[in-house]
Amino acid sequence: MNPTSKLNAFRTIEEARQNQQFITGLIYVNEAERPDLHELLHYVETPLAYLPEEKLRPGREALDKVMAAL
C-alpha cells in the first residue's frame, strides 16, 4: 500500500467499513510542504524543563495582552 495515495487511504477505510473491521495506524501521509504544529505555534527548540522561569512565567503586561486579545 502506498501511504502517499489519498485514493488508497479512502479505499482502505471503505474496505474496512464494509468488512466491519477497525483499522489502526498510519494510512495516509500528505507530503506537501507545510509547516508542522511546532512551527505554527512558534514553539522554542529548548525543552520546557530547561527554560528559565522568566521565559515560562510571563509578566503581568504579557498576560494582560493575551487577555485583551480574547
Protein backbone atom coordinates (compact mmCIF):
# COMPACT_ATOMS: atom_id res chain seq x y z
CA MET A 1 0.00 0.00 0.00
CA ASN A 2 1.26 3.45 -0.91
CA PRO A 3 0.82 5.74 2.14
CA THR A 4 1.07 8.86 -0.05
CA SER A 5 -2.00 7.94 -2.10
CA LYS A 6 -5.16 9.55 -0.81
CA LEU A 7 -7.22 7.24 -3.03
CA ASN A 8 -5.63 4.16 -1.43
CA ALA A 9 -6.37 5.59 2.01
CA PHE A 10 -10.06 6.05 1.13
CA ARG A 11 -10.19 2.52 -0.31
CA THR A 12 -8.64 1.09 2.85
CA ILE A 13 -11.16 2.88 5.03
CA GLU A 14 -14.11 1.81 2.87
CA GLU A 15 -12.97 -1.83 2.71
CA ALA A 16 -12.59 -1.88 6.49
CA ARG A 17 -16.07 -0.40 6.91
CA GLN A 18 -17.62 -2.97 4.57
CA ASN A 19 -15.88 -5.82 6.40
CA GLN A 20 -16.79 -4.34 9.79
CA GLN A 21 -13.11 -4.04 10.65
CA PHE A 22 -11.42 -1.50 12.82
CA ILE A 23 -8.16 -0.27 11.32
CA THR A 24 -5.39 1.48 13.17
CA GLY A 25 -2.11 3.03 12.14
CA LEU A 26 -0.95 5.46 9.52
CA ILE A 27 -2.93 5.10 6.30
CA TYR A 28 -2.13 8.42 4.59
CA VAL A 29 0.86 10.75 4.51
CA ASN A 30 0.48 14.18 2.94
CA GLU A 31 3.91 15.10 1.62
CA ALA A 32 3.00 18.71 0.86
CA GLU A 33 5.45 21.28 2.15
CA ARG A 34 3.50 22.70 5.07
CA PRO A 35 4.58 23.93 8.48
CA ASP A 36 4.22 21.43 11.31
CA LEU A 37 2.38 22.11 14.57
CA HIS A 38 5.54 23.27 16.35
CA GLU A 39 6.20 25.86 13.65
CA LEU A 40 2.59 27.06 13.66
CA LEU A 41 2.60 27.51 17.44
CA HIS A 42 6.09 29.08 17.47
CA TYR A 43 7.46 26.57 19.97
CA VAL A 44 11.03 27.03 21.14
CA GLU A 45 13.70 24.42 20.47
CA THR A 46 14.69 24.21 24.14
CA PRO A 47 12.71 21.67 26.22
CA LEU A 48 10.46 23.38 28.77
CA ALA A 49 12.35 21.74 31.64
CA TYR A 50 15.45 23.73 30.66
CA LEU A 51 13.86 27.14 30.17
CA PRO A 52 14.45 29.75 32.86
CA GLU A 53 11.49 30.82 34.98
CA GLU A 54 11.24 34.25 33.34
CA LYS A 55 10.55 32.53 29.99
CA LEU A 56 7.95 30.18 31.49
CA ARG A 57 6.07 32.74 33.55
CA PRO A 58 5.13 35.81 31.53
CA GLY A 59 4.85 39.13 33.33
CA ARG A 60 1.63 40.98 34.06
CA GLU A 61 1.87 43.03 30.84
CA ALA A 62 2.12 39.91 28.68
CA LEU A 63 -0.84 38.31 30.44
CA ASP A 64 -2.91 41.49 30.08
CA LYS A 65 -2.13 41.49 26.36
CA VAL A 66 -3.28 37.88 25.99
CA MET A 67 -6.47 38.54 27.93
CA ALA A 68 -7.23 41.63 25.83
CA ALA A 69 -6.88 39.54 22.67
CA LEU A 70 -9.51 37.10 23.92
